[in-house]
């Protein structure tokens, strides 16, 4: 039945903020360094999901990932971006 199938299902959940700038880059330059790795939760569960699929795990597995680029607009810059200009 559907109830039995859902009861034995596994859901993998991961947070994947690609570059957490805090929206307005209000964090210090030092505080920003670790933010590049803030997508590790989603990367980890995606890897686990892919492995379970390849192993043909008999249980129903769901993958739920929250993915976002946390910036205030498409022209936003990050604290350690390198900007090249021509004069």
Protein backbone atom coordinates (compact mmCIF):
# COMPACT_ATOMS: atom_id res chain seq x y z
CA UNK A 1 0.00 0.00 0.00
CA UNK A 2 1.01 3.66 -0.31
CA UNK A 3 1.25 4.01 3.49
CA UNK A 4 3.71 1.11 3.76
CA UNK A 5 5.77 2.45 0.85
CA UNK A 6 5.96 5.97 2.34
CA UNK A 7 6.77 4.62 5.82
CA UNK A 8 9.86 2.84 4.51
CA UNK A 9 10.95 5.70 2.23
CA UNK A 10 14.11 7.66 2.99
CA UNK A 11 14.40 11.39 2.29
CA UNK A 12 17.83 13.00 1.98
CA UNK A 13 17.79 16.75 2.66
CA UNK A 14 20.60 19.20 1.99
CA UNK A 15 21.18 22.96 2.03
CA UNK A 16 23.01 24.36 -0.97
CA UNK A 17 23.57 28.09 -0.73
CA UNK A 18 26.09 28.48 -3.53
CA UNK A 19 27.75 31.57 -2.10
CA UNK A 20 26.20 32.90 1.10
CA UNK A 21 26.96 36.61 0.99
CA UNK A 22 24.35 37.45 3.61
CA UNK A 23 22.53 39.31 0.86
CA UNK A 24 24.44 42.58 1.18
CA UNK A 25 27.94 41.21 1.87
CA UNK A 26 27.72 42.40 5.47
CA UNK A 27 30.16 39.75 6.64
CA UNK A 28 33.84 40.61 6.92
CA UNK A 29 36.33 39.37 4.33
CA UNK A 30 37.62 36.78 6.83
CA UNK A 31 34.08 35.64 7.63
CA UNK A 32 33.29 35.15 3.95
CA UNK A 33 36.02 32.59 3.26
CA UNK A 34 34.09 29.61 4.59
CA UNK A 35 30.91 30.66 2.82
CA UNK A 36 32.20 29.25 -0.47
CA UNK A 37 31.64 25.81 1.04
CA UNK A 38 28.10 26.46 2.26
CA UNK A 39 26.77 24.24 -0.51
CA UNK A 40 28.38 21.16 1.02
CA UNK A 41 25.14 19.82 2.50
CA UNK A 42 23.46 19.49 -0.88
CA UNK A 43 26.63 18.17 -2.51
CA UNK A 44 26.88 15.46 0.14
CA UNK A 45 23.27 14.28 -0.10
CA UNK A 46 23.40 14.39 -3.92
CA UNK A 47 26.43 12.08 -3.81
CA UNK A 48 24.63 9.75 -1.39
CA UNK A 49 21.53 9.73 -3.57
CA UNK A 50 23.54 8.95 -6.70
CA UNK A 51 25.33 6.10 -4.91
CA UNK A 52 22.03 4.65 -3.67
CA UNK A 53 20.57 4.78 -7.19
CA UNK A 54 23.65 3.09 -8.70
CA UNK A 55 23.47 0.39 -6.00
CA UNK A 56 19.77 -0.09 -6.81
CA UNK A 57 18.76 0.34 -3.18
CA UNK A 58 15.40 -1.45 -2.73
CA UNK A 59 13.86 1.33 -0.62
CA UNK A 60 12.21 4.41 -2.08
CA UNK A 61 14.61 7.35 -1.78
CA UNK A 62 13.71 11.01 -2.16
CA UNK A 63 16.14 13.88 -2.61
CA UNK A 64 15.24 17.37 -1.37
CA UNK A 65 17.75 20.17 -1.90
CA UNK A 66 17.42 23.88 -1.13
CA UNK A 67 19.55 25.58 -3.79
CA UNK A 68 20.15 29.31 -4.11
CA UNK A 69 22.68 31.95 -5.01
CA UNK A 70 22.37 34.38 -2.12
CA UNK A 71 23.08 37.72 -3.77
CA UNK A 72 20.98 40.86 -4.11
CA UNK A 73 21.15 40.97 -7.91
CA UNK A 74 22.84 39.66 -11.06
CA UNK A 75 25.54 42.36 -10.91
CA UNK A 76 26.40 41.75 -7.24
CA UNK A 77 30.05 41.17 -6.39
CA UNK A 78 31.55 39.04 -3.65
CA UNK A 79 34.21 40.31 -1.28
CA UNK A 80 37.03 38.39 -2.97
CA UNK A 81 35.94 38.76 -6.62
CA UNK A 82 38.64 39.90 -9.02
CA UNK A 83 37.36 42.69 -11.26
CA UNK A 84 39.28 43.31 -14.48
CA UNK A 85 38.98 46.66 -16.21
CA UNK A 86 40.50 48.19 -19.31
CA UNK A 87 41.55 51.84 -19.54
